[in-house]
Amino acid sequence: MLPFSVEQFFGAFASYNRAIWPAQIVALMIGGLAFALVFRRCKRSDEIIAGVLAAMWAWTGLIYHLIFFAPINKMAYAFGALFAVQAMAFGYVGVIQGRMTFGRSSGPAAWIGIAFVLYAAAIYWLFGVATGHDLAELPAFGVRPCPVTIFTFGMLLLTIRPIPRLLLIIPILWSLIGGSAAILLHVPQDWVLLVSGIVSAVLLAGRDQRLASASSR
């Protein structure tokens, strides 16, 4: 049994969207920059992309969960802490240590990664419109947990070297928690979130195994 109603859930979205405008536009711009840097490299591309991911997780955890979602669901404090930890992980591993390398690839992981990015940035929102949700209530890219998580999996699938598996734990956990909205709250666009974690983990494991086999020859 959820501690809030469907009306309260979407009402929190509407209040959040009004309060943070035009942060949604900024999030879309920096997300587009991160995606573009996968294909048009610069000196600090990898660190910038990791920094964008860290910023999205930090904002969503601290602003959305702790300020707007916590009043209707006390579990949001725990969710916010998890998102903050994930933000610090991206900051430490990707920005400080420089252990995340993004780039072009022709493998299935990369193509599904691109599909996840496009889904999070555009199709997720359009799906919500098509299923009758009010525009003010729709989860926006880059500032809401579910689109952020799908975008994250997309970007991780666009890495070209193995990444620490610890970076996957919280996103996979959220794909299951947040993805439950597809069933419990009638948010059909979250069906992709529900399976994205497992799909990404399998694809990354297979990709890394092939890289390890190639390097040992």
N, C-alpha and C. Protein backbone atom coordinates (compact mmCIF):
# COMPACT_ATOMS: atom_id res chain seq x y z
N MET A 1 0.85 -1.20 0.00
CA MET A 1 0.00 0.00 0.00
C MET A 1 0.88 1.24 0.00
N LEU A 2 0.67 2.12 -0.98
CA LEU A 2 1.46 3.33 -1.07
C LEU A 2 0.98 4.37 -0.05
N PRO A 3 1.90 5.17 0.51
CA PRO A 3 1.50 6.17 1.51
C PRO A 3 0.92 7.44 0.90
N PHE A 4 0.66 7.44 -0.40
CA PHE A 4 0.11 8.61 -1.07
C PHE A 4 -0.82 8.15 -2.18
N SER A 5 -1.67 9.05 -2.62
CA SER A 5 -2.59 8.73 -3.70
C SER A 5 -1.98 9.08 -5.05
N VAL A 6 -2.57 8.58 -6.11
CA VAL A 6 -2.11 8.93 -7.46
C VAL A 6 -2.20 10.44 -7.66
N GLU A 7 -3.26 11.05 -7.13
CA GLU A 7 -3.44 12.50 -7.28
C GLU A 7 -2.33 13.26 -6.56
N GLN A 8 -1.96 12.81 -5.37
CA GLN A 8 -0.86 13.45 -4.63
C GLN A 8 0.46 13.29 -5.38
N PHE A 9 0.66 12.12 -5.96
CA PHE A 9 1.90 11.83 -6.67
C PHE A 9 2.07 12.79 -7.85
N PHE A 10 1.06 12.90 -8.69
CA PHE A 10 1.17 13.79 -9.85
C PHE A 10 1.06 15.26 -9.43
N GLY A 11 0.38 15.53 -8.33
CA GLY A 11 0.34 16.89 -7.82
C GLY A 11 1.72 17.38 -7.39
N ALA A 12 2.51 16.46 -6.80
CA ALA A 12 3.88 16.82 -6.42
C ALA A 12 4.71 17.14 -7.66
N PHE A 13 4.49 16.39 -8.74
CA PHE A 13 5.18 16.68 -10.00
C PHE A 13 4.86 18.09 -10.47
N ALA A 14 3.56 18.43 -10.45
CA ALA A 14 3.13 19.73 -10.94
C ALA A 14 3.75 20.86 -10.12
N SER A 15 3.74 20.71 -8.80
CA SER A 15 4.33 21.74 -7.93
C SER A 15 5.82 21.88 -8.18
N TYR A 16 6.46 20.76 -8.34
CA TYR A 16 7.91 20.74 -8.60
C TYR A 16 8.23 21.41 -9.93
N ASN A 17 7.50 21.05 -10.96
CA ASN A 17 7.77 21.63 -12.28
C ASN A 17 7.60 23.15 -12.28
N ARG A 18 6.57 23.63 -11.60
CA ARG A 18 6.36 25.08 -11.53
C ARG A 18 7.48 25.76 -10.75
N ALA A 19 7.89 25.14 -9.65
CA ALA A 19 8.87 25.78 -8.76
C ALA A 19 10.27 25.87 -9.38
N ILE A 20 10.65 24.90 -10.19
CA ILE A 20 12.03 24.87 -10.67
C ILE A 20 12.19 25.47 -12.07
N TRP A 21 11.10 25.82 -12.73
CA TRP A 21 11.23 26.38 -14.08
C TRP A 21 12.19 27.59 -14.09
N PRO A 22 13.15 27.72 -15.03
CA PRO A 22 13.35 26.92 -16.25
C PRO A 22 14.48 25.88 -16.12
N ALA A 23 14.64 25.29 -14.94
CA ALA A 23 15.70 24.29 -14.76
C ALA A 23 15.55 23.13 -15.74
N GLN A 24 14.32 22.84 -16.16
CA GLN A 24 14.11 21.75 -17.11
C GLN A 24 14.83 22.01 -18.43
N ILE A 25 14.82 23.26 -18.87
CA ILE A 25 15.51 23.62 -20.12
C ILE A 25 17.01 23.49 -19.95
N VAL A 26 17.52 23.95 -18.81
CA VAL A 26 18.96 23.84 -18.54
C VAL A 26 19.38 22.37 -18.52
N ALA A 27 18.57 21.53 -17.86
CA ALA A 27 18.89 20.09 -17.79
C ALA A 27 18.93 19.47 -19.18
N LEU A 28 17.98 19.86 -20.03
CA LEU A 28 17.97 19.32 -21.39
C LEU A 28 19.21 19.76 -22.16
N MET A 29 19.65 20.98 -21.94
CA MET A 29 20.84 21.50 -22.63
C MET A 29 22.11 20.79 -22.18
N ILE A 30 22.27 20.62 -20.86
CA ILE A 30 23.50 19.97 -20.40
C ILE A 30 23.48 18.48 -20.71
N GLY A 31 22.28 17.88 -20.72
CA GLY A 31 22.19 16.48 -21.14
C GLY A 31 22.56 16.32 -22.60
N GLY A 32 22.09 17.26 -23.44
CA GLY A 32 22.46 17.23 -24.85
C GLY A 32 23.95 17.43 -25.04
N LEU A 33 24.55 18.31 -24.23
CA LEU A 33 26.00 18.52 -24.30
C LEU A 33 26.74 17.23 -23.96
N ALA A 34 26.32 16.56 -22.88
CA ALA A 34 26.98 15.31 -22.48
C ALA A 34 26.89 14.28 -23.59
N PHE A 35 25.71 14.14 -24.20
CA PHE A 35 25.54 13.17 -25.27
C PHE A 35 26.41 13.54 -26.48
N ALA A 36 26.45 14.82 -26.83
CA ALA A 36 27.25 15.26 -27.97
C ALA A 36 28.74 15.01 -27.75
N LEU A 37 29.19 15.14 -26.49
CA LEU A 37 30.61 14.95 -26.19
C LEU A 37 31.06 13.50 -26.33
N VAL A 38 30.11 12.57 -26.38
CA VAL A 38 30.47 11.18 -26.65
C VAL A 38 31.03 11.06 -28.07
N PHE A 39 30.50 11.86 -28.98
CA PHE A 39 30.83 11.73 -30.40
C PHE A 39 31.77 12.83 -30.91
N ARG A 40 31.75 13.98 -30.25
CA ARG A 40 32.66 15.06 -30.61
C ARG A 40 33.52 15.36 -29.40
N ARG A 41 34.67 14.70 -29.36
CA ARG A 41 35.50 14.70 -28.17
C ARG A 41 36.23 16.03 -27.98
N CYS A 42 36.48 16.37 -26.71
CA CYS A 42 37.37 17.47 -26.36
C CYS A 42 38.28 16.98 -25.23
N LYS A 43 39.17 17.83 -24.78
CA LYS A 43 40.19 17.41 -23.82
C LYS A 43 39.60 16.82 -22.55
N ARG A 44 38.50 17.37 -22.06
CA ARG A 44 37.93 16.94 -20.78
C ARG A 44 36.54 16.32 -20.96
N SER A 45 36.31 15.71 -22.11
CA SER A 45 34.97 15.16 -22.40
C SER A 45 34.48 14.21 -21.31
N ASP A 46 35.31 13.26 -20.94
CA ASP A 46 34.87 12.23 -19.99
C ASP A 46 34.52 12.84 -18.64
N GLU A 47 35.34 13.78 -18.18
CA GLU A 47 35.08 14.41 -16.89
C GLU A 47 33.82 15.26 -16.94
N ILE A 48 33.58 15.94 -18.07
CA ILE A 48 32.38 16.76 -18.21
C ILE A 48 31.13 15.88 -18.18
N ILE A 49 31.16 14.78 -18.92
CA ILE A 49 30.00 13.87 -18.95
C ILE A 49 29.73 13.32 -17.55
N ALA A 50 30.78 12.87 -16.87
CA ALA A 50 30.60 12.35 -15.51
C ALA A 50 30.07 13.44 -14.60
N GLY A 51 30.54 14.68 -14.79
CA GLY A 51 30.05 15.79 -13.98
C GLY A 51 28.58 16.07 -14.21
N VAL A 52 28.13 15.96 -15.46
CA VAL A 52 26.71 16.15 -15.77
C VAL A 52 25.87 15.08 -15.07
N LEU A 53 26.31 13.83 -15.14
CA LEU A 53 25.59 12.76 -14.45
C LEU A 53 25.54 13.02 -12.94
N ALA A 54 26.68 13.44 -12.38
CA ALA A 54 26.72 13.74 -10.94
C ALA A 54 25.74 14.86 -10.60
N ALA A 55 25.70 15.90 -11.42
CA ALA A 55 24.81 17.04 -11.15
C ALA A 55 23.35 16.63 -11.21
N MET A 56 22.99 15.79 -12.18
CA MET A 56 21.60 15.35 -12.29
C MET A 56 21.17 14.52 -11.09
N TRP A 57 22.04 13.62 -10.66
CA TRP A 57 21.70 12.79 -9.50
C TRP A 57 21.65 13.62 -8.22
N ALA A 58 22.56 14.58 -8.08
CA ALA A 58 22.55 15.43 -6.89
C ALA A 58 21.30 16.29 -6.84
N TRP A 59 20.96 16.95 -7.96
CA TRP A 59 19.78 17.79 -8.00
C TRP A 59 18.52 16.98 -7.69
N THR A 60 18.39 15.83 -8.34
CA THR A 60 17.18 15.02 -8.16
C THR A 60 17.06 14.52 -6.73
N GLY A 61 18.19 14.13 -6.16
CA GLY A 61 18.15 13.64 -4.78
C GLY A 61 17.85 14.73 -3.77
N LEU A 62 18.53 15.86 -3.89
CA LEU A 62 18.42 16.91 -2.88
C LEU A 62 17.21 17.81 -3.08
N ILE A 63 16.89 18.15 -4.32
CA ILE A 63 15.79 19.07 -4.58
C ILE A 63 14.46 18.33 -4.71
N TYR A 64 14.41 17.36 -5.63
CA TYR A 64 13.13 16.67 -5.82
C TYR A 64 12.76 15.81 -4.62
N HIS A 65 13.64 14.86 -4.27
CA HIS A 65 13.27 13.91 -3.21
C HIS A 65 13.09 14.59 -1.86
N LEU A 66 14.08 15.37 -1.44
CA LEU A 66 14.05 15.90 -0.08
C LEU A 66 13.07 17.05 0.11
N ILE A 67 12.85 17.85 -0.92
CA ILE A 67 11.99 19.02 -0.75
C ILE A 67 10.56 18.77 -1.23
N PHE A 68 10.40 18.11 -2.37
CA PHE A 68 9.07 18.00 -2.96
C PHE A 68 8.39 16.65 -2.77
N PHE A 69 9.17 15.57 -2.71
CA PHE A 69 8.55 14.25 -2.58
C PHE A 69 8.41 13.82 -1.13
N ALA A 70 9.32 14.28 -0.27
CA ALA A 70 9.28 13.88 1.14
C ALA A 70 7.98 14.23 1.85
N PRO A 71 7.31 15.36 1.53
CA PRO A 71 6.06 15.66 2.22
C PRO A 71 4.95 14.63 2.02
N ILE A 72 5.01 13.85 0.94
CA ILE A 72 3.97 12.82 0.75
C ILE A 72 4.51 11.40 0.93
N ASN A 73 5.83 11.27 1.06
CA ASN A 73 6.41 9.94 1.24
C ASN A 73 7.72 10.06 2.02
N LYS A 74 7.72 9.64 3.26
CA LYS A 74 8.91 9.79 4.10
C LYS A 74 10.08 8.96 3.61
N MET A 75 9.82 7.94 2.78
CA MET A 75 10.92 7.17 2.20
C MET A 75 11.78 8.03 1.28
N ALA A 76 11.27 9.19 0.90
CA ALA A 76 12.03 10.08 0.02
C ALA A 76 13.33 10.53 0.67
N TYR A 77 13.39 10.56 1.99
CA TYR A 77 14.65 10.92 2.64
C TYR A 77 15.73 9.87 2.35
N ALA A 78 15.34 8.60 2.39
CA ALA A 78 16.28 7.53 2.04
C ALA A 78 16.63 7.58 0.56
N PHE A 79 15.61 7.83 -0.28
CA PHE A 79 15.86 7.92 -1.71
C PHE A 79 16.82 9.07 -2.02
N GLY A 80 16.58 10.21 -1.36
CA GLY A 80 17.46 11.35 -1.58
C GLY A 80 18.89 11.05 -1.19
N ALA A 81 19.07 10.32 -0.09
CA ALA A 81 20.43 9.95 0.33
C ALA A 81 21.09 9.05 -0.70
N LEU A 82 20.34 8.08 -1.24
CA LEU A 82 20.88 7.20 -2.27
C LEU A 82 21.30 7.98 -3.51
N PHE A 83 20.48 8.93 -3.92
CA PHE A 83 20.82 9.73 -5.10
C PHE A 83 22.04 10.59 -4.84
N ALA A 84 22.17 11.11 -3.62
CA ALA A 84 23.35 11.91 -3.28
C ALA A 84 24.61 11.05 -3.30
N VAL A 85 24.52 9.83 -2.80
CA VAL A 85 25.66 8.91 -2.84
C VAL A 85 26.06 8.61 -4.28
N GLN A 86 25.05 8.39 -5.15
CA GLN A 86 25.36 8.12 -6.55
C GLN A 86 26.02 9.33 -7.20
N ALA A 87 25.57 10.52 -6.86
CA ALA A 87 26.19 11.74 -7.39
C ALA A 87 27.65 11.81 -6.98
N MET A 88 27.93 11.52 -5.71
CA MET A 88 29.32 11.55 -5.24
C MET A 88 30.16 10.48 -5.92
N ALA A 89 29.54 9.32 -6.20
CA ALA A 89 30.27 8.25 -6.89
C ALA A 89 30.68 8.68 -8.29
N PHE A 90 29.76 9.31 -9.02
CA PHE A 90 30.11 9.80 -10.35
C PHE A 90 31.17 10.90 -10.26
N GLY A 91 31.05 11.76 -9.27
CA GLY A 91 32.03 12.82 -9.11
C GLY A 91 33.41 12.27 -8.80
N TYR A 92 33.48 11.28 -7.92
CA TYR A 92 34.78 10.74 -7.51
C TYR A 92 35.39 9.87 -8.61
N VAL A 93 34.59 8.90 -9.11
CA VAL A 93 35.12 7.95 -10.10
C VAL A 93 35.34 8.62 -11.46
N GLY A 94 34.37 9.42 -11.89
CA GLY A 94 34.42 9.97 -13.23
C GLY A 94 35.18 11.28 -13.35
N VAL A 95 35.01 12.18 -12.37
CA VAL A 95 35.64 13.49 -12.46
C VAL A 95 37.02 13.50 -11.82
N ILE A 96 37.12 13.02 -10.59
CA ILE A 96 38.40 13.08 -9.88
C ILE A 96 39.37 12.00 -10.36
N GLN A 97 38.90 10.75 -10.40
CA GLN A 97 39.79 9.66 -10.81
C GLN A 97 39.89 9.51 -12.33
N GLY A 98 38.92 10.00 -13.07
CA GLY A 98 38.95 9.88 -14.52
C GLY A 98 38.87 8.44 -15.00
N ARG A 99 38.01 7.63 -14.36
CA ARG A 99 37.92 6.20 -14.69
C ARG A 99 36.71 5.86 -15.55
N MET A 100 36.10 6.87 -16.16
CA MET A 100 34.98 6.62 -17.07
C MET A 100 35.38 7.16 -18.44
N THR A 101 35.36 6.29 -19.44
CA THR A 101 35.76 6.68 -20.79
C THR A 101 34.60 6.45 -21.74
N PHE A 102 34.15 7.52 -22.36
CA PHE A 102 33.01 7.46 -23.28
C PHE A 102 33.52 7.59 -24.72
N GLY A 103 32.77 7.00 -25.66
CA GLY A 103 33.18 7.12 -27.05
C GLY A 103 32.30 6.30 -27.98
N ARG A 104 32.61 6.41 -29.25
CA ARG A 104 31.84 5.70 -30.28
C ARG A 104 32.12 4.21 -30.24
N SER A 105 31.09 3.45 -30.50
CA SER A 105 31.21 2.00 -30.59
C SER A 105 30.10 1.50 -31.49
N SER A 106 30.35 0.39 -32.15
CA SER A 106 29.34 -0.17 -33.05
C SER A 106 28.62 -1.39 -32.46
N GLY A 107 28.92 -1.71 -31.22
CA GLY A 107 28.33 -2.88 -30.59
C GLY A 107 26.89 -2.64 -30.16
N PRO A 108 26.18 -3.72 -29.79
CA PRO A 108 24.77 -3.59 -29.36
C PRO A 108 24.60 -2.73 -28.12
N ALA A 109 25.57 -2.74 -27.20
CA ALA A 109 25.46 -1.92 -26.00
C ALA A 109 25.35 -0.44 -26.36
N ALA A 110 26.16 -0.01 -27.33
CA ALA A 110 26.15 1.40 -27.72
C ALA A 110 24.82 1.79 -28.35
N TRP A 111 24.30 0.94 -29.23
CA TRP A 111 23.04 1.27 -29.90
C TRP A 111 21.87 1.32 -28.92
N ILE A 112 21.86 0.41 -27.97
CA ILE A 112 20.80 0.45 -26.96
C ILE A 112 21.01 1.65 -26.03
N GLY A 113 22.28 1.99 -25.79
CA GLY A 113 22.57 3.19 -25.01
C GLY A 113 22.01 4.44 -25.67
N ILE A 114 22.21 4.57 -26.97
CA ILE A 114 21.65 5.71 -27.71
C ILE A 114 20.13 5.71 -27.61
N ALA A 115 19.53 4.54 -27.74
CA ALA A 115 18.07 4.43 -27.64
C ALA A 115 17.58 4.88 -26.26
N PHE A 116 18.29 4.48 -25.19
CA PHE A 116 17.90 4.90 -23.85
C PHE A 116 18.00 6.41 -23.68
N VAL A 117 19.07 7.00 -24.22
CA VAL A 117 19.25 8.45 -24.12
C VAL A 117 18.10 9.17 -24.82
N LEU A 118 17.79 8.76 -26.03
CA LEU A 118 16.70 9.39 -26.78
C LEU A 118 15.36 9.18 -26.09
N TYR A 119 15.17 8.00 -25.53
CA TYR A 119 13.93 7.73 -24.81
C TYR A 119 13.79 8.67 -23.61
N ALA A 120 14.87 8.79 -22.82
CA ALA A 120 14.82 9.64 -21.62
C ALA A 120 14.60 11.10 -21.97
N ALA A 121 15.23 11.56 -23.06
CA ALA A 121 15.19 12.98 -23.40
C ALA A 121 13.90 13.40 -24.10
N ALA A 122 13.30 12.52 -24.89
CA ALA A 122 12.16 12.93 -25.71
C ALA A 122 10.98 11.97 -25.66
N ILE A 123 11.25 10.69 -25.87
CA ILE A 123 10.14 9.74 -26.01
C ILE A 123 9.38 9.58 -24.69
N TYR A 124 10.10 9.60 -23.57
CA TYR A 124 9.46 9.46 -22.25
C TYR A 124 8.38 10.53 -22.08
N TRP A 125 8.74 11.77 -22.39
CA TRP A 125 7.80 12.89 -22.25
C TRP A 125 6.64 12.77 -23.23
N LEU A 126 6.97 12.43 -24.49
CA LEU A 126 5.92 12.29 -25.51
C LEU A 126 4.97 11.14 -25.17
N PHE A 127 5.51 10.08 -24.61
CA PHE A 127 4.70 8.94 -24.19
C PHE A 127 3.69 9.40 -23.14
N GLY A 128 4.15 10.24 -22.20
CA GLY A 128 3.26 10.75 -21.18
C GLY A 128 2.13 11.58 -21.76
N VAL A 129 2.47 12.42 -22.75
CA VAL A 129 1.44 13.22 -23.42
C VAL A 129 0.44 12.31 -24.12
N ALA A 130 0.95 11.31 -24.82
CA ALA A 130 0.09 10.41 -25.60
C ALA A 130 -0.86 9.60 -24.72
N THR A 131 -0.46 9.36 -23.48
CA THR A 131 -1.30 8.56 -22.58
C THR A 131 -2.21 9.43 -21.72
N GLY A 132 -2.25 10.72 -22.03
CA GLY A 132 -3.24 11.58 -21.41
C GLY A 132 -2.83 12.34 -20.17
N HIS A 133 -1.55 12.34 -19.80
CA HIS A 133 -1.13 13.09 -18.62
C HIS A 133 -1.09 14.58 -18.91
N ASP A 134 -1.43 15.38 -17.92
CA ASP A 134 -1.36 16.82 -18.04
C ASP A 134 0.10 17.25 -18.21
N LEU A 135 0.35 18.24 -19.05
CA LEU A 135 1.71 18.68 -19.32
C LEU A 135 2.43 19.12 -18.04
N ALA A 136 1.71 19.78 -17.15
CA ALA A 136 2.32 20.28 -15.92
C ALA A 136 2.77 19.16 -14.99
N GLU A 137 2.21 17.96 -15.16
CA GLU A 137 2.50 16.85 -14.26
C GLU A 137 3.58 15.91 -14.78
N LEU A 138 4.03 16.12 -16.00
CA LEU A 138 4.94 15.16 -16.60
C LEU A 138 6.35 15.25 -16.02
N PRO A 139 6.97 14.10 -15.74
CA PRO A 139 8.36 14.09 -15.29
C PRO A 139 9.27 14.64 -16.38
N ALA A 140 10.09 15.60 -16.04
CA ALA A 140 10.97 16.24 -17.02
C ALA A 140 12.35 15.61 -17.03
N PHE A 141 12.97 15.62 -18.19
CA PHE A 141 14.31 15.07 -18.36
C PHE A 141 15.32 15.80 -17.48
N GLY A 142 16.19 15.02 -16.85
CA GLY A 142 17.33 15.58 -16.12
C GLY A 142 17.06 16.06 -14.71
N VAL A 143 15.78 16.18 -14.34
CA VAL A 143 15.46 16.70 -13.01
C VAL A 143 14.49 15.80 -12.25
N ARG A 144 14.16 14.65 -12.81
CA ARG A 144 13.29 13.68 -12.15
C ARG A 144 13.96 12.32 -12.15
N PRO A 145 13.76 11.54 -11.09
CA PRO A 145 14.52 10.30 -10.92
C PRO A 145 14.43 9.33 -12.09
N CYS A 146 13.24 9.10 -12.64
CA CYS A 146 13.12 8.04 -13.65
C CYS A 146 13.79 8.40 -14.97
N PRO A 147 13.54 9.59 -15.55
CA PRO A 147 14.29 9.94 -16.76
C PRO A 147 15.80 10.03 -16.51
N VAL A 148 16.19 10.51 -15.34
CA VAL A 148 17.63 10.58 -15.02
C VAL A 148 18.26 9.19 -15.02
N THR A 149 17.56 8.23 -14.45
CA THR A 149 18.10 6.87 -14.38
C THR A 149 18.20 6.23 -15.76
N ILE A 150 17.18 6.40 -16.59
CA ILE A 150 17.24 5.85 -17.94
C ILE A 150 18.38 6.50 -18.73
N PHE A 151 18.50 7.83 -18.61
CA PHE A 151 19.60 8.55 -19.27
C PHE A 151 20.95 8.04 -18.79
N THR A 152 21.06 7.79 -17.49
CA THR A 152 22.31 7.28 -16.93
C THR A 152 22.68 5.94 -17.53
N PHE A 153 21.74 5.03 -17.61
CA PHE A 153 22.03 3.73 -18.22
C PHE A 153 22.45 3.92 -19.68
N GLY A 154 21.79 4.83 -20.39
CA GLY A 154 22.18 5.08 -21.76
C GLY A 154 23.62 5.55 -21.87
N MET A 155 24.01 6.47 -21.00
CA MET A 155 25.38 7.00 -21.05
C MET A 155 26.40 5.95 -20.61
N LEU A 156 26.06 5.14 -19.63
CA LEU A 156 26.99 4.08 -19.21
C LEU A 156 27.20 3.05 -20.32
N LEU A 157 26.16 2.81 -21.11
CA LEU A 157 26.31 1.89 -22.24
C LEU A 157 27.15 2.49 -23.36
N LEU A 158 27.40 3.79 -23.30
CA LEU A 158 28.24 4.46 -24.27
C LEU A 158 29.68 4.61 -23.79
N THR A 159 30.02 3.95 -22.69
CA THR A 159 31.43 3.88 -22.29
C THR A 159 32.13 2.84 -23.15
N ILE A 160 33.42 3.01 -23.33
CA ILE A 160 34.19 2.10 -24.18
C ILE A 160 35.24 1.33 -23.41
N ARG A 161 35.29 1.53 -22.11
CA ARG A 161 36.18 0.76 -21.23
C ARG A 161 35.39 0.34 -20.01
N PRO A 162 35.80 -0.73 -19.33
CA PRO A 162 35.06 -1.18 -18.15
C PRO A 162 34.94 -0.07 -17.10
N ILE A 163 33.80 -0.04 -16.45
CA ILE A 163 33.56 0.91 -15.36
C ILE A 163 33.38 0.12 -14.07
N PRO A 164 33.66 0.76 -12.92
CA PRO A 164 33.45 0.06 -11.65
C PRO A 164 31.99 -0.37 -11.51
N ARG A 165 31.77 -1.62 -11.15
CA ARG A 165 30.42 -2.15 -11.04
C ARG A 165 29.61 -1.46 -9.94
N LEU A 166 30.30 -0.83 -8.98
CA LEU A 166 29.59 -0.13 -7.92
C LEU A 166 28.73 1.00 -8.46
N LEU A 167 29.11 1.53 -9.63
CA LEU A 167 28.34 2.62 -10.22
C LEU A 167 26.95 2.16 -10.68
N LEU A 168 26.75 0.87 -10.80
CA LEU A 168 25.49 0.34 -11.30
C LEU A 168 24.48 0.00 -10.20
N ILE A 169 24.95 -0.14 -8.96
CA ILE A 169 24.09 -0.67 -7.90
C ILE A 169 22.87 0.21 -7.64
N ILE A 170 23.09 1.48 -7.37
CA ILE A 170 21.97 2.37 -7.05
C ILE A 170 21.06 2.60 -8.25
N PRO A 171 21.60 2.84 -9.47
CA PRO A 171 20.69 2.95 -10.62
C PRO A 171 19.84 1.70 -10.85
N ILE A 172 20.42 0.50 -10.68
CA ILE A 172 19.62 -0.71 -10.84
C ILE A 172 18.55 -0.79 -9.76
N LEU A 173 18.91 -0.45 -8.53
CA LEU A 173 17.94 -0.45 -7.44
C LEU A 173 16.79 0.51 -7.75
N TRP A 174 17.14 1.71 -8.25
CA TRP A 174 16.08 2.66 -8.55
C TRP A 174 15.24 2.22 -9.75
N SER A 175 15.84 1.51 -10.69
CA SER A 175 15.06 1.03 -11.83
C SER A 175 13.94 0.11 -11.36
N LEU A 176 14.16 -0.60 -10.28
CA LEU A 176 13.13 -1.48 -9.73
C LEU A 176 12.14 -0.72 -8.87
N ILE A 177 12.64 0.22 -8.04
CA ILE A 177 11.75 1.00 -7.18
C ILE A 177 10.92 1.96 -8.02
N GLY A 178 11.60 2.78 -8.82
CA GLY A 178 10.89 3.75 -9.63
C GLY A 178 10.06 3.10 -10.72
N GLY A 179 10.56 1.99 -11.25
CA GLY A 179 9.83 1.29 -12.30
C GLY A 179 8.53 0.69 -11.83
N SER A 180 8.38 0.53 -10.53
CA SER A 180 7.13 0.00 -10.01
C SER A 180 5.96 0.95 -10.29
N ALA A 181 6.28 2.22 -10.59
CA ALA A 181 5.22 3.18 -10.93
C ALA A 181 4.48 2.76 -12.19
N ALA A 182 5.16 2.02 -13.05
CA ALA A 182 4.50 1.54 -14.26
C ALA A 182 3.28 0.70 -13.92
N ILE A 183 3.36 -0.02 -12.81
CA ILE A 183 2.27 -0.90 -12.40
C ILE A 183 1.37 -0.22 -11.37
N LEU A 184 1.97 0.31 -10.30
CA LEU A 184 1.20 0.81 -9.17
C LEU A 184 0.53 2.15 -9.44
N LEU A 185 1.17 2.99 -10.27
CA LEU A 185 0.66 4.35 -10.47
C LEU A 185 0.25 4.61 -11.91
N HIS A 186 0.23 3.56 -12.70
CA HIS A 186 -0.22 3.66 -14.08
C HIS A 186 0.60 4.68 -14.88
N VAL A 187 1.93 4.49 -14.84
CA VAL A 187 2.84 5.34 -15.61
C VAL A 187 3.50 4.43 -16.64
N PRO A 188 2.87 4.20 -17.79
CA PRO A 188 3.36 3.20 -18.74
C PRO A 188 4.75 3.48 -19.30
N GLN A 189 5.16 4.76 -19.32
CA GLN A 189 6.50 5.06 -19.84
C GLN A 189 7.61 4.52 -18.94
N ASP A 190 7.25 4.15 -17.71
CA ASP A 190 8.25 3.60 -16.80
C ASP A 190 8.49 2.10 -16.98
N TRP A 191 7.79 1.48 -17.93
CA TRP A 191 8.10 0.08 -18.23
C TRP A 191 9.55 -0.05 -18.69
N VAL A 192 10.03 0.92 -19.45
CA VAL A 192 11.43 0.89 -19.91
C VAL A 192 12.37 0.99 -18.72
N LEU A 193 12.06 1.87 -17.76
CA LEU A 193 12.88 1.97 -16.56
C LEU A 193 12.96 0.64 -15.83
N LEU A 194 11.83 -0.05 -15.75
CA LEU A 194 11.76 -1.29 -14.98
C LEU A 194 12.74 -2.33 -15.48
N VAL A 195 12.99 -2.36 -16.79
CA VAL A 195 13.88 -3.38 -17.35
C VAL A 195 15.26 -2.84 -17.71
N SER A 196 15.42 -1.50 -17.69
CA SER A 196 16.66 -0.91 -18.18
C SER A 196 17.88 -1.31 -17.36
N GLY A 197 17.70 -1.47 -16.05
CA GLY A 197 18.84 -1.82 -15.20
C GLY A 197 19.41 -3.18 -15.52
N ILE A 198 18.54 -4.17 -15.62
CA ILE A 198 19.00 -5.53 -15.90
C ILE A 198 19.58 -5.61 -17.31
N VAL A 199 18.90 -4.99 -18.27
CA VAL A 199 19.41 -4.98 -19.65
C VAL A 199 20.81 -4.36 -19.70
N SER A 200 20.99 -3.23 -19.02
CA SER A 200 22.28 -2.55 -19.04
C SER A 200 23.37 -3.38 -18.36
N ALA A 201 23.03 -3.99 -17.22
CA ALA A 201 24.02 -4.81 -16.52
C ALA A 201 24.49 -5.97 -17.38
N VAL A 202 23.55 -6.63 -18.05
CA VAL A 202 23.90 -7.77 -18.92
C VAL A 202 24.76 -7.31 -20.09
N LEU A 203 24.36 -6.22 -20.73
CA LEU A 203 25.11 -5.73 -21.89
C LEU A 203 26.51 -5.27 -21.50
N LEU A 204 26.63 -4.58 -20.38
CA LEU A 204 27.96 -4.12 -19.95
C LEU A 204 28.85 -5.28 -19.55
N ALA A 205 28.28 -6.28 -18.90
CA ALA A 205 29.07 -7.46 -18.52
C ALA A 205 29.59 -8.18 -19.77
N GLY A 206 28.72 -8.34 -20.78
CA GLY A 206 29.13 -8.98 -22.02
C GLY A 206 30.17 -8.18 -22.76
N ARG A 207 29.97 -6.85 -22.81
CA ARG A 207 30.93 -5.98 -23.47
C ARG A 207 32.30 -6.04 -22.80
N ASP A 208 32.31 -5.98 -21.47
CA ASP A 208 33.57 -6.00 -20.74
C ASP A 208 34.28 -7.34 -20.87
N GLN A 209 33.51 -8.42 -20.95
CA GLN A 209 34.11 -9.75 -21.14
C GLN A 209 34.79 -9.83 -22.51
N ARG A 210 34.14 -9.26 -23.53
CA ARG A 210 34.76 -9.25 -24.86
C ARG A 210 36.01 -8.39 -24.88
N LEU A 211 36.00 -7.27 -24.19
CA LEU A 211 37.18 -6.41 -24.12
C LEU A 211 38.34 -7.12 -23.41
N ALA A 212 37.99 -7.83 -22.32
CA ALA A 212 39.03 -8.55 -21.58
C ALA A 212 39.62 -9.67 -22.43
N SER A 213 38.79 -10.38 -23.19
CA SER A 213 39.28 -11.46 -24.04
C SER A 213 40.17 -10.90 -25.15
N ALA A 214 39.78 -9.76 -25.72
CA ALA A 214 40.57 -9.16 -26.78
C ALA A 214 41.93 -8.69 -26.28
N SER A 215 41.95 -8.14 -25.07
CA SER A 215 43.22 -7.61 -24.54
C SER A 215 44.16 -8.72 -24.11
N SER A 216 43.65 -9.94 -23.86
CA SER A 216 44.49 -11.04 -23.41
C SER A 216 45.11 -11.83 -24.56
N ARG A 217 44.71 -11.51 -25.78
CA ARG A 217 45.24 -12.23 -26.93
C ARG A 217 46.64 -11.75 -27.30
